Each structure stands twice: as structure tokens, then as C-alpha cells.
Amino acid sequence: MSWRSLTPLRAATTVRLPFAARNAIPICARFLTTATIETPSQVPIATSSELSSAAATQPAQPVPNLPYFVGRTHLNSLAVYHRQTQGTRYTTILKKGEGNLQALKQDIAQALDVPGREVKVGSVTGHILIKGHKRDQVVAFLQSLGF
């Protein structure tokens, strides 16, 4: 027997298409309707002058003149979080603080009635670290200031 008789047979070559297979799949097109929807006559629509007068009658909360500012997240919530440090110990973290963070640290320590050594400012990150599970108290304090 020769070695050529022991070689495997080659599979038939497949036909290659000049375009990708995804282009061969038909695409369903969506069409937007041009029909208009009529508004019910019993629902009053406010005009721009009515909206501006309504906004003027509501008093705006005065923002206190503070040496610091606390920003909000992209979901419009205050950036106050918990971090579990050792077993069951928690640290509350306040992020997005700007300005005089030492003044914010002192105000938080005074409002939460905790010693000053339990509230620290991270030197690199600028976060305020509070010992304990105090997220709700910090959020209530910041909301009372108008943040």
C-alpha cells in the first residue's frame, strides 16, 4: 500500500459569497405614522404665561452661603455610601464634596453629634469618611442645608 492511499479525502469546497451573510438577512423596516392625535377638549392646556406665573408664585428655597458644596450623582441623588471595613464595622462615605471640606467635616460632626476624630477627610480623594452606619443622618443633614 502506498502512502497516498492512506491520506484522507479532501472535503468539497464551499461556495464563498462576495458579501457578508448578515447582509443577506432581510431587515424589517419601521415606519413612523404621520397621523395626528387630537387632544380631548376637556383637558385644559396651560400656556407659557400661566406656567411662568405659577413658577413665580412658588418660593424658591434660599441656598445658604456656605464655603463648601456637595454635588449630586447623575441620577440626582446625594453621593453618600456605606463601606464595610472589618466584619460588621461600617464607614459612611460622602463623595462629590467641593470647597472647604474641613468646614463641611466640622458641620457634619456637629450635626451628627459625633467626636471630631470620627470624621475624616481623605487627603487624596477628597471624600469625607465617617465612622459608623450614618448614611440616613448625613443625607437628612445635607437636605436640610438645601443640597
Protein backbone atom coordinates (compact mmCIF):
# COMPACT_ATOMS: atom_id res chain seq x y z
CA MET A 1 0.00 0.00 0.00
CA SER A 2 1.29 3.37 -0.85
CA TRP A 3 1.19 6.31 1.44
CA ARG A 4 -1.09 8.15 -0.98
CA SER A 5 -3.88 5.70 -0.42
CA LEU A 6 -3.82 6.42 3.32
CA THR A 7 -4.22 10.19 3.02
CA PRO A 8 -7.68 11.48 3.91
CA LEU A 9 -10.02 12.65 1.26
CA ARG A 10 -10.46 16.36 0.94
CA ALA A 11 -13.85 17.85 1.66
CA ALA A 12 -15.65 19.63 -1.10
CA THR A 13 -15.01 23.36 -1.12
CA THR A 14 -17.89 25.63 -0.19
CA VAL A 15 -19.09 28.42 -2.36
CA ARG A 16 -17.96 31.76 -0.99
CA LEU A 17 -20.32 34.66 -1.33
CA PRO A 18 -18.89 38.08 -2.17
CA PHE A 19 -20.87 39.76 0.65
CA ALA A 20 -21.34 39.12 4.38
CA ALA A 21 -24.10 36.77 5.49
CA ARG A 22 -25.65 39.44 7.71
CA ASN A 23 -26.46 41.49 4.64
CA ALA A 24 -28.41 38.59 3.20
CA ILE A 25 -30.93 38.68 6.06
CA PRO A 26 -33.92 40.87 5.24
CA ILE A 27 -34.32 43.84 7.56
CA CYS A 28 -37.72 44.80 8.87
CA ALA A 29 -38.30 48.50 8.39
CA ARG A 30 -40.39 50.53 10.79
CA PHE A 31 -42.35 53.43 9.51
CA LEU A 32 -43.48 56.37 11.59
CA THR A 33 -47.07 57.36 11.18
CA THR A 34 -47.96 60.83 10.08
CA ALA A 35 -51.44 60.75 11.58
CA THR A 36 -52.06 63.34 14.27
CA ILE A 37 -53.72 62.58 17.56
CA GLU A 38 -56.37 65.00 18.61
CA THR A 39 -56.31 66.21 22.19
CA PRO A 40 -59.53 65.93 24.14
CA SER A 41 -61.32 69.24 24.53
CA GLN A 42 -61.97 68.75 28.26
CA VAL A 43 -58.26 68.71 29.16
CA PRO A 44 -57.03 72.31 29.53
CA ILE A 45 -53.59 73.07 28.16
CA ALA A 46 -51.55 75.61 30.10
CA THR A 47 -49.97 78.45 28.19
CA SER A 48 -46.43 79.63 28.70
CA SER A 49 -47.59 82.75 30.57
CA GLU A 50 -49.56 80.60 33.02
CA LEU A 51 -46.54 78.37 33.59
CA SER A 52 -44.21 81.29 34.23
CA SER A 53 -46.66 82.88 36.70
CA ALA A 54 -47.04 79.55 38.52
CA ALA A 55 -43.28 79.23 38.82
CA ALA A 56 -43.04 82.78 40.16
CA THR A 57 -45.62 82.14 42.90
CA GLN A 58 -43.70 79.20 44.36
CA PRO A 59 -40.96 80.49 46.65
CA ALA A 60 -37.51 79.14 45.88
CA GLN A 61 -35.50 77.75 48.77
CA PRO A 62 -32.68 80.12 49.55
CA VAL A 63 -29.32 78.37 49.28
CA PRO A 64 -27.21 79.31 52.29
CA ASN A 65 -23.87 80.95 51.63
CA LEU A 66 -21.57 78.12 52.65
CA PRO A 67 -17.84 77.65 51.98
CA TYR A 68 -18.50 74.16 50.56
CA PHE A 69 -20.73 72.46 48.04
CA VAL A 70 -21.96 68.87 47.79
CA GLY A 71 -22.80 67.71 44.28
CA ARG A 72 -25.24 65.05 43.19
CA THR A 73 -24.81 61.94 41.07
CA HIS A 74 -26.08 61.55 37.51
CA LEU A 75 -29.26 60.05 38.97
CA ASN A 76 -29.80 63.23 41.06
CA SER A 77 -29.14 61.60 44.43
CA LEU A 78 -26.62 62.59 47.05
CA ALA A 79 -23.36 60.66 46.87
CA VAL A 80 -23.42 59.15 50.38
CA TYR A 81 -22.46 55.48 50.62
CA HIS A 82 -21.56 52.76 53.11
CA ARG A 83 -18.44 50.66 53.07
CA GLN A 84 -17.96 47.60 55.23
CA THR A 85 -14.48 47.83 56.72
CA GLN A 86 -13.91 44.99 59.21
CA GLY A 87 -16.52 42.31 59.70
CA THR A 88 -19.55 44.25 60.91
CA ARG A 89 -17.98 47.72 61.05
CA TYR A 90 -19.25 50.29 58.60
CA THR A 91 -17.86 53.55 57.33
CA THR A 92 -20.08 56.18 55.75
CA ILE A 93 -18.52 57.92 52.75
CA LEU A 94 -19.55 61.32 51.41
CA LYS A 95 -18.35 61.92 47.86
CA LYS A 96 -18.57 64.89 45.48
CA GLY A 97 -17.69 67.46 48.13
CA GLU A 98 -16.10 70.67 46.88
CA GLY A 99 -14.69 73.77 48.51
CA ASN A 100 -13.66 73.92 52.17
CA LEU A 101 -14.01 70.27 53.18
CA GLN A 102 -12.69 70.93 56.70
CA ALA A 103 -15.68 73.20 57.34
CA LEU A 104 -18.01 70.50 55.97
CA LYS A 105 -16.32 67.97 58.24
CA GLN A 106 -16.89 70.16 61.30
CA ASP A 107 -20.53 70.83 60.39
CA ILE A 108 -21.21 67.11 59.90
CA ALA A 109 -19.54 66.23 63.20
CA GLN A 110 -21.60 68.87 64.99
CA ALA A 111 -24.89 67.88 63.30
CA LEU A 112 -24.43 64.15 63.93
CA ASP A 113 -23.15 64.75 67.47
CA VAL A 114 -20.03 62.63 66.97
CA PRO A 115 -16.48 63.44 68.09
CA GLY A 116 -14.31 65.18 65.51
CA ARG A 117 -11.85 62.30 65.39
CA GLU A 118 -14.54 60.01 63.92
CA VAL A 119 -14.97 62.24 60.86
CA LYS A 120 -12.01 62.45 58.48
CA VAL A 121 -11.27 64.00 55.12
CA GLY A 122 -9.42 61.81 52.63
CA SER A 123 -6.36 63.77 51.55
CA VAL A 124 -6.11 62.22 48.08
CA THR A 125 -9.74 61.57 47.13
CA GLY A 126 -11.41 64.43 48.99
CA HIS A 127 -14.06 62.09 50.39
CA ILE A 128 -15.37 62.54 53.91
CA LEU A 129 -15.21 59.34 55.95
CA ILE A 130 -17.49 58.96 58.99
CA LYS A 131 -17.26 56.06 61.39
CA GLY A 132 -20.47 54.10 61.70
CA HIS A 133 -23.71 53.50 59.87
CA LYS A 134 -24.84 57.11 59.46
CA ARG A 135 -25.95 57.44 55.85
CA ASP A 136 -29.54 58.47 56.61
CA GLN A 137 -28.44 61.14 59.10
CA VAL A 138 -25.91 62.59 56.64
CA VAL A 139 -28.47 62.70 53.82
CA ALA A 140 -31.02 64.38 56.11
CA PHE A 141 -28.41 66.94 57.19
CA LEU A 142 -27.42 67.75 53.60
CA GLN A 143 -31.04 68.05 52.52
CA SER A 144 -31.73 70.42 55.40
CA LEU A 145 -28.92 72.64 54.06
CA GLY A 146 -30.52 72.67 50.62
CA PHE A 147 -28.24 70.29 48.75
